[in-house]
N, C-alpha and C. Protein backbone atom coordinates (compact mmCIF):
# COMPACT_ATOMS: atom_id res chain seq x y z
N MET A 1 0.82 -1.29 -0.08
CA MET A 1 -0.07 0.02 -0.03
C MET A 1 0.91 1.22 -0.01
N SER A 2 0.52 2.18 -0.78
CA SER A 2 1.41 3.48 -0.97
C SER A 2 0.33 4.56 -0.83
N ASP A 3 0.28 5.26 0.27
CA ASP A 3 -0.70 6.55 0.29
C ASP A 3 0.01 7.67 -0.52
N GLU A 4 1.35 7.54 -0.78
CA GLU A 4 1.98 8.61 -1.50
C GLU A 4 1.41 8.73 -2.82
N LYS A 5 1.02 7.66 -3.48
CA LYS A 5 0.40 7.84 -4.90
C LYS A 5 -0.85 8.56 -4.87
N LEU A 6 -1.79 8.24 -3.94
CA LEU A 6 -2.94 9.03 -3.73
C LEU A 6 -2.77 10.53 -3.52
N LEU A 7 -1.78 10.67 -2.63
CA LEU A 7 -1.31 12.08 -2.18
C LEU A 7 -0.89 12.88 -3.36
N SER A 8 0.02 12.26 -4.23
CA SER A 8 0.54 12.92 -5.35
C SER A 8 -0.51 13.27 -6.43
N PHE A 9 -1.49 12.35 -6.53
CA PHE A 9 -2.65 12.64 -7.52
C PHE A 9 -3.41 13.92 -7.02
N ILE A 10 -3.69 13.76 -5.70
CA ILE A 10 -4.41 14.99 -5.25
C ILE A 10 -3.85 16.37 -5.33
N LYS A 11 -2.48 16.30 -4.99
CA LYS A 11 -1.71 17.53 -5.24
C LYS A 11 -1.63 18.02 -6.57
N GLU A 12 -1.47 17.05 -7.54
CA GLU A 12 -1.44 17.54 -9.04
C GLU A 12 -2.76 17.92 -9.55
N LEU A 13 -3.78 17.19 -9.09
CA LEU A 13 -5.12 17.66 -9.59
C LEU A 13 -5.49 18.99 -8.98
N SER A 14 -5.01 19.22 -7.73
CA SER A 14 -5.46 20.67 -7.08
C SER A 14 -4.71 21.61 -7.76
N LEU A 15 -3.38 21.42 -8.26
CA LEU A 15 -2.73 22.41 -8.99
C LEU A 15 -3.40 22.77 -10.35
N LEU A 16 -3.72 21.64 -10.92
CA LEU A 16 -4.51 21.73 -12.17
C LEU A 16 -5.70 22.57 -12.00
N LEU A 17 -6.58 22.27 -11.12
CA LEU A 17 -7.83 23.02 -10.85
C LEU A 17 -7.69 24.46 -10.46
N GLU A 18 -6.52 24.68 -9.77
CA GLU A 18 -6.32 26.18 -9.53
C GLU A 18 -6.16 27.10 -10.57
N GLN A 19 -5.88 26.40 -11.88
CA GLN A 19 -5.75 27.21 -13.16
C GLN A 19 -7.13 27.62 -13.86
N LYS A 20 -8.23 27.06 -12.99
CA LYS A 20 -9.62 27.18 -13.53
C LYS A 20 -9.64 26.69 -15.05
N PRO A 21 -9.29 25.44 -15.22
CA PRO A 21 -9.38 24.80 -16.70
C PRO A 21 -10.66 24.51 -17.13
N SER A 22 -10.69 24.48 -18.43
CA SER A 22 -12.05 24.03 -19.06
C SER A 22 -12.16 22.59 -18.81
N GLU A 23 -13.55 22.26 -18.95
CA GLU A 23 -13.83 20.76 -18.82
C GLU A 23 -13.02 19.92 -19.78
N GLU A 24 -12.87 20.36 -20.84
CA GLU A 24 -12.01 19.80 -21.96
C GLU A 24 -10.57 19.44 -21.43
N ILE A 25 -9.91 20.48 -20.80
CA ILE A 25 -8.61 20.16 -20.27
C ILE A 25 -8.58 19.30 -18.99
N ILE A 26 -9.69 19.42 -18.18
CA ILE A 26 -9.75 18.31 -17.18
C ILE A 26 -9.92 16.89 -17.74
N PHE A 27 -10.67 16.83 -18.69
CA PHE A 27 -10.71 15.38 -19.25
C PHE A 27 -9.63 15.03 -20.13
N THR A 28 -8.60 15.97 -20.25
CA THR A 28 -7.42 15.44 -20.89
C THR A 28 -6.20 15.41 -19.88
N LYS A 29 -5.84 16.46 -19.28
CA LYS A 29 -4.84 16.43 -18.29
C LYS A 29 -5.17 15.64 -17.02
N GLY A 30 -6.40 16.00 -16.61
CA GLY A 30 -6.93 15.23 -15.34
C GLY A 30 -7.02 13.69 -15.64
N LYS A 31 -7.40 13.32 -16.75
CA LYS A 31 -7.62 12.04 -17.10
C LYS A 31 -6.26 11.31 -17.11
N THR A 32 -5.22 12.03 -17.63
CA THR A 32 -3.78 11.40 -17.63
C THR A 32 -3.30 11.15 -16.19
N LEU A 33 -3.71 12.21 -15.24
CA LEU A 33 -3.23 11.99 -13.90
C LEU A 33 -3.99 10.80 -13.17
N LEU A 34 -5.38 10.46 -13.52
CA LEU A 34 -5.97 9.51 -13.04
C LEU A 34 -5.53 8.16 -13.53
N GLU A 35 -5.15 8.04 -14.89
CA GLU A 35 -4.68 6.90 -15.45
C GLU A 35 -3.34 6.53 -14.79
N ARG A 36 -2.53 7.33 -14.27
CA ARG A 36 -1.32 7.17 -13.80
C ARG A 36 -1.61 6.61 -12.32
N LEU A 37 -2.57 7.12 -11.69
CA LEU A 37 -2.98 6.56 -10.27
C LEU A 37 -3.45 5.25 -10.34
N ILE A 38 -4.19 4.80 -11.39
CA ILE A 38 -4.76 3.44 -11.39
C ILE A 38 -3.92 2.46 -12.17
N ALA A 39 -2.70 2.79 -12.73
CA ALA A 39 -1.96 1.95 -13.48
C ALA A 39 -1.44 0.73 -12.83
N VAL A 40 -1.19 0.90 -11.51
CA VAL A 40 -0.76 -0.26 -10.76
C VAL A 40 -1.69 -0.25 -9.51
N ASP A 41 -2.21 -1.50 -9.26
CA ASP A 41 -3.14 -1.57 -8.10
C ASP A 41 -2.42 -2.13 -6.87
N ASP A 42 -1.76 -1.18 -6.26
CA ASP A 42 -0.89 -1.56 -5.09
C ASP A 42 -1.03 -0.41 -3.83
N TRP A 43 -2.13 0.39 -4.07
CA TRP A 43 -1.97 1.55 -3.15
C TRP A 43 -3.41 1.76 -2.38
N LEU A 44 -4.41 1.12 -2.84
CA LEU A 44 -5.79 1.48 -2.02
C LEU A 44 -5.80 0.65 -0.72
N PRO A 45 -6.04 1.25 0.38
CA PRO A 45 -6.13 0.51 1.57
C PRO A 45 -7.19 -0.46 1.64
N VAL A 46 -6.99 -1.58 2.39
CA VAL A 46 -7.95 -2.59 2.44
C VAL A 46 -9.29 -1.95 2.96
N GLU A 47 -9.18 -1.09 3.96
CA GLU A 47 -10.37 -0.57 4.54
C GLU A 47 -11.36 0.10 3.50
N PHE A 48 -10.79 0.65 2.39
CA PHE A 48 -11.63 1.22 1.36
C PHE A 48 -11.85 0.41 0.12
N SER A 49 -11.59 -0.91 0.41
CA SER A 49 -11.86 -1.89 -0.95
C SER A 49 -12.68 -3.01 -0.36
N LYS A 50 -13.46 -2.85 0.86
CA LYS A 50 -14.36 -3.85 1.24
C LYS A 50 -15.68 -3.87 0.66
N PRO A 51 -16.08 -5.02 0.16
CA PRO A 51 -17.58 -5.13 -0.55
C PRO A 51 -18.56 -5.37 0.54
N HIS A 52 -19.79 -4.98 0.20
CA HIS A 52 -21.04 -5.47 1.20
C HIS A 52 -21.73 -6.48 0.44
N PRO A 53 -22.12 -7.44 1.25
CA PRO A 53 -23.03 -8.62 0.51
C PRO A 53 -24.14 -8.24 -0.35
N GLN A 54 -24.80 -6.96 0.00
CA GLN A 54 -26.04 -6.61 -0.71
C GLN A 54 -25.82 -5.27 -1.60
N TYR A 55 -24.98 -4.33 -1.13
CA TYR A 55 -25.03 -3.11 -1.83
C TYR A 55 -23.62 -2.67 -2.18
N TYR A 56 -23.37 -1.95 -3.39
CA TYR A 56 -22.15 -1.47 -3.67
C TYR A 56 -21.69 -0.39 -2.64
N GLN A 57 -20.47 -0.11 -2.44
CA GLN A 57 -20.01 0.74 -1.29
C GLN A 57 -19.39 1.98 -2.07
N GLN A 58 -19.52 3.07 -1.47
CA GLN A 58 -18.94 4.34 -1.85
C GLN A 58 -18.13 4.94 -0.72
N TYR A 59 -16.76 4.73 -0.79
CA TYR A 59 -15.83 5.24 0.24
C TYR A 59 -15.16 6.54 -0.20
N LEU A 60 -15.29 7.45 0.73
CA LEU A 60 -14.55 8.92 0.42
C LEU A 60 -13.13 8.77 0.60
N LEU A 61 -12.27 8.96 -0.20
CA LEU A 61 -10.80 8.88 -0.06
C LEU A 61 -10.39 10.44 0.23
N TYR A 62 -10.94 11.35 -0.44
CA TYR A 62 -10.47 12.65 -0.31
C TYR A 62 -11.61 13.70 -0.58
N ALA A 63 -11.84 14.70 0.06
CA ALA A 63 -12.84 15.81 -0.30
C ALA A 63 -11.96 17.16 -0.26
N ASP A 64 -11.88 17.72 -1.32
CA ASP A 64 -11.31 19.12 -1.29
C ASP A 64 -11.89 20.06 -0.46
N PRO A 65 -11.25 20.80 0.44
CA PRO A 65 -11.68 21.59 1.38
C PRO A 65 -12.57 22.80 0.67
N LEU A 66 -12.24 23.13 -0.67
CA LEU A 66 -13.02 24.18 -1.26
C LEU A 66 -14.15 23.38 -2.21
N ASP A 67 -14.44 22.31 -2.05
CA ASP A 67 -15.41 21.58 -2.78
C ASP A 67 -15.23 21.52 -4.26
N ARG A 68 -13.90 21.72 -4.85
CA ARG A 68 -13.68 21.69 -6.19
C ARG A 68 -13.79 20.20 -6.67
N PHE A 69 -13.37 19.29 -5.78
CA PHE A 69 -13.53 17.79 -6.27
C PHE A 69 -13.43 16.96 -5.05
N SER A 70 -13.80 15.58 -5.40
CA SER A 70 -13.65 14.62 -4.33
C SER A 70 -13.12 13.28 -5.05
N VAL A 71 -12.50 12.43 -4.32
CA VAL A 71 -12.01 11.21 -4.71
C VAL A 71 -12.78 10.02 -3.99
N VAL A 72 -13.22 9.12 -4.72
CA VAL A 72 -14.14 8.11 -4.09
C VAL A 72 -13.62 6.63 -4.57
N SER A 73 -13.65 5.66 -3.83
CA SER A 73 -13.53 4.28 -4.30
C SER A 73 -14.92 3.62 -4.29
N PHE A 74 -15.25 3.03 -5.42
CA PHE A 74 -16.62 2.26 -5.53
C PHE A 74 -16.24 0.79 -5.53
N VAL A 75 -16.84 0.10 -4.71
CA VAL A 75 -16.49 -1.27 -4.57
C VAL A 75 -17.82 -2.07 -4.80
N TRP A 76 -17.68 -2.85 -5.71
CA TRP A 76 -18.87 -3.73 -6.31
C TRP A 76 -18.76 -5.30 -6.00
N GLY A 77 -19.69 -5.72 -5.38
CA GLY A 77 -19.73 -7.22 -5.24
C GLY A 77 -20.34 -7.78 -6.57
N PRO A 78 -20.31 -9.17 -6.81
CA PRO A 78 -20.77 -9.65 -8.01
C PRO A 78 -22.31 -9.34 -8.12
N GLY A 79 -22.83 -8.90 -9.32
CA GLY A 79 -24.16 -8.62 -9.43
C GLY A 79 -24.61 -7.28 -9.02
N GLN A 80 -23.83 -6.44 -8.49
CA GLN A 80 -24.38 -5.20 -7.78
C GLN A 80 -24.28 -4.11 -8.96
N LYS A 81 -25.32 -3.19 -8.85
CA LYS A 81 -25.40 -2.36 -9.84
C LYS A 81 -26.14 -0.99 -9.20
N THR A 82 -26.02 0.02 -9.86
CA THR A 82 -26.72 1.34 -9.45
C THR A 82 -28.03 1.31 -10.02
N PRO A 83 -28.92 2.20 -9.45
CA PRO A 83 -30.23 2.61 -10.22
C PRO A 83 -29.65 3.59 -11.22
N LEU A 84 -30.66 3.97 -12.18
CA LEU A 84 -30.41 4.94 -13.21
C LEU A 84 -30.37 6.38 -12.47
N HIS A 85 -29.24 6.94 -12.66
CA HIS A 85 -29.04 8.27 -11.91
C HIS A 85 -28.12 9.19 -12.59
N ASN A 86 -28.05 10.45 -12.14
CA ASN A 86 -27.11 11.50 -12.70
C ASN A 86 -26.13 11.99 -11.73
N HIS A 87 -25.35 12.90 -11.97
CA HIS A 87 -24.27 13.52 -11.14
C HIS A 87 -24.40 14.85 -10.93
N THR A 88 -24.65 15.55 -12.02
CA THR A 88 -24.83 17.04 -11.88
C THR A 88 -23.36 17.79 -12.03
N VAL A 89 -22.34 17.15 -11.95
CA VAL A 89 -21.06 17.76 -12.08
C VAL A 89 -20.19 16.60 -12.89
N TRP A 90 -19.00 17.23 -13.54
CA TRP A 90 -18.22 16.38 -14.26
C TRP A 90 -17.67 15.19 -13.29
N GLY A 91 -17.21 14.08 -14.12
CA GLY A 91 -16.61 13.06 -13.20
C GLY A 91 -15.84 12.17 -14.21
N MET A 92 -14.75 11.65 -13.57
CA MET A 92 -13.90 10.66 -14.26
C MET A 92 -14.00 9.28 -13.42
N ILE A 93 -14.11 8.26 -14.30
CA ILE A 93 -14.17 6.88 -13.51
C ILE A 93 -12.92 6.15 -14.00
N GLY A 94 -12.10 5.72 -13.13
CA GLY A 94 -10.95 4.86 -13.42
C GLY A 94 -11.05 3.50 -12.93
N GLN A 95 -10.94 2.66 -13.80
CA GLN A 95 -10.94 1.21 -13.29
C GLN A 95 -9.68 0.67 -12.64
N LEU A 96 -9.92 0.25 -11.43
CA LEU A 96 -8.63 -0.12 -10.59
C LEU A 96 -8.64 -1.61 -10.72
N ARG A 97 -9.75 -2.28 -10.47
CA ARG A 97 -9.66 -3.74 -10.28
C ARG A 97 -11.04 -4.37 -10.85
N GLY A 98 -10.98 -5.55 -11.43
CA GLY A 98 -12.14 -6.23 -12.07
C GLY A 98 -12.55 -5.35 -13.38
N GLN A 99 -13.90 -5.44 -13.51
CA GLN A 99 -14.46 -4.69 -14.72
C GLN A 99 -15.79 -4.27 -14.37
N GLU A 100 -16.30 -3.05 -14.93
CA GLU A 100 -17.58 -2.59 -14.73
C GLU A 100 -18.14 -2.16 -16.09
N LYS A 101 -19.37 -2.29 -16.10
CA LYS A 101 -20.13 -1.86 -17.33
C LYS A 101 -20.90 -0.67 -17.05
N GLY A 102 -20.72 0.42 -17.82
CA GLY A 102 -21.48 1.65 -17.77
C GLY A 102 -22.37 1.73 -19.02
N THR A 103 -23.71 2.09 -18.82
CA THR A 103 -24.64 2.18 -19.90
C THR A 103 -25.40 3.42 -19.72
N PRO A 104 -25.08 4.51 -20.65
CA PRO A 104 -25.83 5.57 -20.83
C PRO A 104 -27.13 5.56 -21.10
N TYR A 105 -28.09 6.44 -20.57
CA TYR A 105 -29.41 6.44 -20.92
C TYR A 105 -29.80 7.70 -21.41
N TYR A 106 -30.76 7.74 -22.37
CA TYR A 106 -31.12 9.09 -22.96
C TYR A 106 -32.66 9.10 -22.80
N ARG A 107 -33.10 10.40 -22.55
CA ARG A 107 -34.59 10.67 -22.30
C ARG A 107 -35.24 10.74 -23.68
N GLN A 108 -36.43 10.04 -23.85
CA GLN A 108 -37.17 10.10 -24.97
C GLN A 108 -38.24 11.15 -24.93
N THR A 109 -39.02 11.32 -25.99
CA THR A 109 -40.11 12.34 -25.93
C THR A 109 -41.25 12.13 -25.12
N ASP A 110 -41.38 10.73 -24.78
CA ASP A 110 -42.59 10.40 -23.91
C ASP A 110 -42.20 10.39 -22.51
N GLY A 111 -40.80 10.90 -22.26
CA GLY A 111 -40.33 10.92 -20.77
C GLY A 111 -39.45 9.76 -20.41
N SER A 112 -39.64 8.70 -21.05
CA SER A 112 -38.89 7.39 -20.72
C SER A 112 -37.38 7.43 -21.05
N PHE A 113 -36.67 6.50 -20.78
CA PHE A 113 -35.27 6.50 -20.99
C PHE A 113 -34.94 5.35 -22.04
N LYS A 114 -34.13 5.63 -22.93
CA LYS A 114 -33.59 4.49 -23.67
C LYS A 114 -32.05 4.34 -23.63
N ALA A 115 -31.68 3.02 -23.55
CA ALA A 115 -30.23 2.79 -23.25
C ALA A 115 -29.41 3.00 -24.60
N GLY A 116 -28.24 3.54 -24.20
CA GLY A 116 -27.14 3.73 -25.37
C GLY A 116 -26.22 2.47 -25.35
N ALA A 117 -25.16 2.64 -26.09
CA ALA A 117 -24.21 1.53 -26.24
C ALA A 117 -23.43 1.51 -24.84
N PRO A 118 -23.36 0.33 -24.19
CA PRO A 118 -22.68 0.28 -22.92
C PRO A 118 -21.16 0.16 -23.14
N CYS A 119 -20.33 0.56 -22.09
CA CYS A 119 -19.06 0.69 -22.12
C CYS A 119 -18.41 -0.32 -21.02
N VAL A 120 -17.65 -1.34 -21.46
CA VAL A 120 -17.12 -2.07 -20.43
C VAL A 120 -15.74 -1.64 -20.12
N CYS A 121 -15.36 -1.37 -18.85
CA CYS A 121 -14.05 -0.79 -18.44
C CYS A 121 -13.23 -1.79 -17.93
N PRO A 122 -12.07 -2.19 -18.53
CA PRO A 122 -11.05 -3.05 -17.78
C PRO A 122 -10.02 -2.29 -16.95
N PRO A 123 -9.23 -2.85 -16.12
CA PRO A 123 -8.24 -2.03 -15.45
C PRO A 123 -7.39 -1.18 -16.21
N GLY A 124 -7.36 0.15 -15.71
CA GLY A 124 -6.52 1.16 -16.42
C GLY A 124 -7.22 2.06 -17.38
N LYS A 125 -8.52 1.71 -17.58
CA LYS A 125 -9.31 2.49 -18.44
C LYS A 125 -10.08 3.55 -17.70
N VAL A 126 -10.26 4.81 -18.23
CA VAL A 126 -10.88 5.99 -17.53
C VAL A 126 -12.08 6.24 -18.43
N ASP A 127 -13.15 6.44 -17.83
CA ASP A 127 -14.44 6.95 -18.61
C ASP A 127 -14.79 8.30 -18.03
N THR A 128 -15.68 8.96 -18.63
CA THR A 128 -16.03 10.34 -18.10
C THR A 128 -17.56 10.53 -18.10
N VAL A 129 -17.96 11.34 -17.23
CA VAL A 129 -19.49 11.89 -17.31
C VAL A 129 -19.57 13.32 -17.08
N SER A 130 -20.69 13.86 -17.80
CA SER A 130 -20.68 15.32 -17.58
C SER A 130 -22.04 15.84 -17.96
N PRO A 131 -22.73 16.77 -17.15
CA PRO A 131 -23.99 17.26 -17.59
C PRO A 131 -24.07 17.82 -18.97
N ASN A 132 -22.82 18.33 -19.51
CA ASN A 132 -22.61 18.85 -20.78
C ASN A 132 -22.72 18.02 -21.98
N THR A 133 -22.57 16.64 -21.74
CA THR A 133 -22.67 15.55 -22.69
C THR A 133 -23.53 14.55 -22.50
N HIS A 134 -23.11 13.61 -21.44
CA HIS A 134 -23.96 12.59 -21.04
C HIS A 134 -23.84 12.31 -19.50
N ASP A 135 -24.88 12.47 -18.82
CA ASP A 135 -24.69 12.43 -17.36
C ASP A 135 -25.70 11.48 -16.69
N ILE A 136 -26.48 10.66 -17.41
CA ILE A 136 -27.39 9.71 -16.81
C ILE A 136 -27.07 8.45 -17.20
N HIS A 137 -26.87 7.48 -16.24
CA HIS A 137 -26.32 6.15 -16.66
C HIS A 137 -26.62 5.11 -15.57
N VAL A 138 -26.40 3.90 -15.79
CA VAL A 138 -26.37 2.79 -14.90
C VAL A 138 -25.09 2.23 -14.99
N VAL A 139 -24.55 1.82 -13.78
CA VAL A 139 -23.21 1.12 -13.66
C VAL A 139 -23.29 -0.07 -13.07
N GLU A 140 -22.62 -1.15 -13.46
CA GLU A 140 -22.75 -2.38 -12.69
C GLU A 140 -21.40 -3.13 -12.84
N ASN A 141 -21.27 -4.18 -11.76
CA ASN A 141 -20.09 -5.08 -11.88
C ASN A 141 -20.27 -5.99 -13.09
N ALA A 142 -19.28 -5.95 -13.91
CA ALA A 142 -19.29 -6.84 -15.27
C ALA A 142 -18.73 -8.05 -14.83
N MET A 143 -18.20 -8.32 -13.63
CA MET A 143 -17.68 -9.71 -13.28
C MET A 143 -18.66 -10.44 -12.36
N SER A 144 -19.10 -11.65 -12.73
CA SER A 144 -19.96 -12.40 -12.04
C SER A 144 -19.56 -13.28 -10.80
N ASP A 145 -18.16 -13.18 -10.75
CA ASP A 145 -17.48 -14.10 -9.72
C ASP A 145 -16.44 -13.27 -8.92
N GLN A 146 -16.37 -12.06 -9.03
CA GLN A 146 -15.31 -11.29 -8.25
C GLN A 146 -15.67 -9.79 -8.04
N VAL A 147 -15.03 -9.21 -7.04
CA VAL A 147 -15.25 -7.93 -6.65
C VAL A 147 -14.59 -6.86 -7.69
N SER A 148 -15.23 -5.78 -8.03
CA SER A 148 -14.74 -4.72 -8.98
C SER A 148 -14.57 -3.44 -8.24
N ILE A 149 -13.38 -2.77 -8.48
CA ILE A 149 -13.31 -1.47 -7.80
C ILE A 149 -12.80 -0.40 -8.87
N SER A 150 -13.47 0.69 -8.66
CA SER A 150 -13.10 1.88 -9.54
C SER A 150 -12.94 2.97 -8.57
N ILE A 151 -12.08 3.99 -9.23
CA ILE A 151 -11.81 5.25 -8.41
C ILE A 151 -12.49 6.29 -9.23
N HIS A 152 -13.34 7.05 -8.53
CA HIS A 152 -14.11 8.09 -9.12
C HIS A 152 -13.61 9.49 -8.68
N VAL A 153 -13.57 10.34 -9.55
CA VAL A 153 -13.16 11.69 -9.21
C VAL A 153 -14.25 12.72 -9.80
N TYR A 154 -14.94 13.47 -8.88
CA TYR A 154 -15.90 14.37 -9.31
C TYR A 154 -15.66 15.82 -8.92
N GLY A 155 -16.31 16.76 -9.83
CA GLY A 155 -16.03 18.09 -9.65
C GLY A 155 -16.91 18.70 -8.63
N GLY A 156 -16.94 18.05 -7.41
CA GLY A 156 -17.56 18.56 -6.32
C GLY A 156 -17.55 17.40 -5.13
N ASN A 157 -18.15 17.71 -4.00
CA ASN A 157 -18.11 16.79 -3.00
C ASN A 157 -19.31 15.71 -3.30
N ILE A 158 -19.12 14.65 -4.00
CA ILE A 158 -20.26 14.01 -4.59
C ILE A 158 -21.20 13.36 -3.60
N GLY A 159 -20.74 13.22 -2.38
CA GLY A 159 -21.70 12.65 -1.30
C GLY A 159 -22.48 13.65 -0.57
N ARG A 160 -22.28 14.99 -0.96
CA ARG A 160 -23.17 15.93 -0.39
C ARG A 160 -24.11 16.55 -1.49
N ILE A 161 -23.83 16.33 -2.71
CA ILE A 161 -24.50 16.94 -3.76
C ILE A 161 -25.84 16.29 -4.00
N GLN A 162 -26.98 17.04 -4.16
CA GLN A 162 -28.38 16.53 -4.34
C GLN A 162 -28.26 16.11 -5.90
N ARG A 163 -28.64 14.88 -6.04
CA ARG A 163 -28.81 14.35 -7.42
C ARG A 163 -30.09 13.77 -7.55
N SER A 164 -30.33 12.87 -8.67
CA SER A 164 -31.63 12.32 -9.02
C SER A 164 -31.38 10.83 -9.57
N VAL A 165 -32.42 10.08 -9.14
CA VAL A 165 -32.55 8.63 -9.67
C VAL A 165 -33.78 8.85 -10.62
N PHE A 166 -33.82 7.91 -11.52
CA PHE A 166 -34.97 7.96 -12.52
C PHE A 166 -35.64 6.70 -12.81
N ASP A 167 -36.89 6.71 -12.89
CA ASP A 167 -37.69 5.41 -13.30
C ASP A 167 -37.36 5.31 -14.88
N LEU A 168 -36.98 4.16 -15.21
CA LEU A 168 -36.64 3.89 -16.66
C LEU A 168 -37.82 4.12 -17.55
N ASN A 169 -39.04 3.63 -17.06
CA ASN A 169 -40.17 3.55 -17.98
C ASN A 169 -40.94 4.94 -17.93
N SER A 170 -41.19 5.51 -16.85
CA SER A 170 -42.02 6.64 -16.71
C SER A 170 -41.22 7.92 -16.63
N GLY A 171 -39.91 7.83 -16.42
CA GLY A 171 -39.06 8.86 -16.36
C GLY A 171 -39.20 9.62 -15.05
N ALA A 172 -39.92 9.32 -14.09
CA ALA A 172 -40.20 9.93 -12.96
C ALA A 172 -38.76 10.15 -12.17
N GLU A 173 -38.62 11.25 -11.43
CA GLU A 173 -37.39 11.67 -10.87
C GLU A 173 -37.66 11.86 -9.38
N LYS A 174 -36.43 11.25 -8.74
CA LYS A 174 -36.42 11.31 -7.31
C LYS A 174 -35.11 11.80 -6.64
N THR A 175 -35.04 12.87 -5.98
CA THR A 175 -33.83 13.43 -5.58
C THR A 175 -33.26 12.65 -4.48
N PHE A 176 -31.79 12.54 -4.28
CA PHE A 176 -31.24 11.99 -3.21
C PHE A 176 -29.82 12.55 -2.86
N ILE A 177 -29.37 12.34 -1.77
CA ILE A 177 -27.83 12.73 -1.57
C ILE A 177 -27.29 11.31 -1.03
N SER A 178 -26.21 10.99 -1.65
CA SER A 178 -25.68 9.65 -1.56
C SER A 178 -24.91 9.37 -0.01
N GLY A 179 -24.17 10.47 0.34
CA GLY A 179 -23.36 10.11 1.41
C GLY A 179 -22.27 9.22 1.10
N TYR A 180 -21.57 8.75 2.12
CA TYR A 180 -20.50 7.72 1.93
C TYR A 180 -20.71 6.61 2.95
N ALA A 181 -19.97 5.46 2.46
CA ALA A 181 -20.22 4.32 3.32
C ALA A 181 -19.23 4.35 4.67
N ASN A 182 -18.22 5.13 4.39
CA ASN A 182 -17.15 5.20 5.57
C ASN A 182 -17.34 6.47 6.35
N GLN A 183 -17.15 6.23 7.75
CA GLN A 183 -17.11 7.42 8.58
C GLN A 183 -15.79 7.81 8.72
N LEU A 184 -14.77 6.97 8.43
CA LEU A 184 -13.35 7.20 8.62
C LEU A 184 -12.81 7.71 7.33
N VAL A 185 -12.11 8.82 7.26
CA VAL A 185 -11.67 9.42 6.10
C VAL A 185 -9.97 9.62 6.27
N PRO A 186 -9.16 9.13 5.25
CA PRO A 186 -7.83 9.13 5.65
C PRO A 186 -7.23 10.52 5.74
N ASN A 187 -6.27 10.66 6.66
CA ASN A 187 -5.59 11.97 6.75
C ASN A 187 -4.35 11.94 5.84
N LEU A 188 -4.51 12.44 4.63
CA LEU A 188 -3.38 12.27 3.75
C LEU A 188 -2.25 13.15 4.16
N TRP A 189 -2.41 14.24 4.78
CA TRP A 189 -1.37 15.30 5.14
C TRP A 189 -0.56 14.75 6.26
N ASN A 190 -0.89 13.64 7.10
CA ASN A 190 -0.10 13.17 7.99
C ASN A 190 0.02 11.63 7.90
N PRO A 191 1.10 11.13 7.15
CA PRO A 191 1.12 9.74 6.80
C PRO A 191 1.12 8.89 8.09
N ALA A 192 1.69 9.31 9.14
CA ALA A 192 1.90 8.45 10.37
C ALA A 192 0.36 8.15 10.86
N GLU A 193 -0.41 9.30 10.99
CA GLU A 193 -1.82 9.19 11.36
C GLU A 193 -2.54 8.54 10.47
N PHE A 194 -2.38 8.60 9.06
CA PHE A 194 -3.10 7.76 8.08
C PHE A 194 -2.98 6.33 8.33
N SER A 195 -1.61 5.99 8.58
CA SER A 195 -1.36 4.41 8.69
C SER A 195 -2.10 4.01 9.96
N LYS A 196 -2.07 4.87 11.00
CA LYS A 196 -2.69 4.45 12.28
C LYS A 196 -4.16 4.31 12.18
N GLN A 197 -4.82 5.23 11.34
CA GLN A 197 -6.28 5.09 11.16
C GLN A 197 -6.56 3.79 10.53
N ILE A 198 -5.80 3.45 9.46
CA ILE A 198 -5.95 2.14 8.71
C ILE A 198 -5.98 0.89 9.50
N CYS A 199 -4.91 0.94 10.53
CA CYS A 199 -4.79 -0.16 11.20
C CYS A 199 -5.70 -0.42 12.44
N GLU A 200 -6.37 0.55 12.73
CA GLU A 200 -7.35 0.50 13.87
C GLU A 200 -8.55 -0.16 13.49
């Protein structure tokens, strides 16, 4: 495990966002940073990679104090999937372990949603979401016999943002705030304390 990798990613992304880049630059330069982070699967603490027998888990790894971005590990047991949902902010999804399938959905004239072409992400691949392009999708574990883990980076504190889930057929919308599965958040600025928290 190497918390230095995550810390380096957060520092570099913070410096990039200080320049107030366009979304296009975030999805090029930021994507390169995320690809570097997920290139080798040796840094995510066990505490933030634990599956739940029924529900996918959303663990907060870092929340920017200015709410410019957050970094989250999503842990999927076999067969687990999200409802149809949106994000309202830009997002990058980097596959760290296993495989996930993301299926975009598009609202039809009658209010219902129609599925687009799914994208299966193997380790090392980064996908994106954005209200400016496509922001409504379903994500699921593409592996029937193992856990999959992805690292998500959002343009806000995603666990505090009011978002929506949608009924596939009627298009009915229901708002929600996801929160996080973990109470414990790593202290990246104090490696000794970080290691102590993980071991407790």
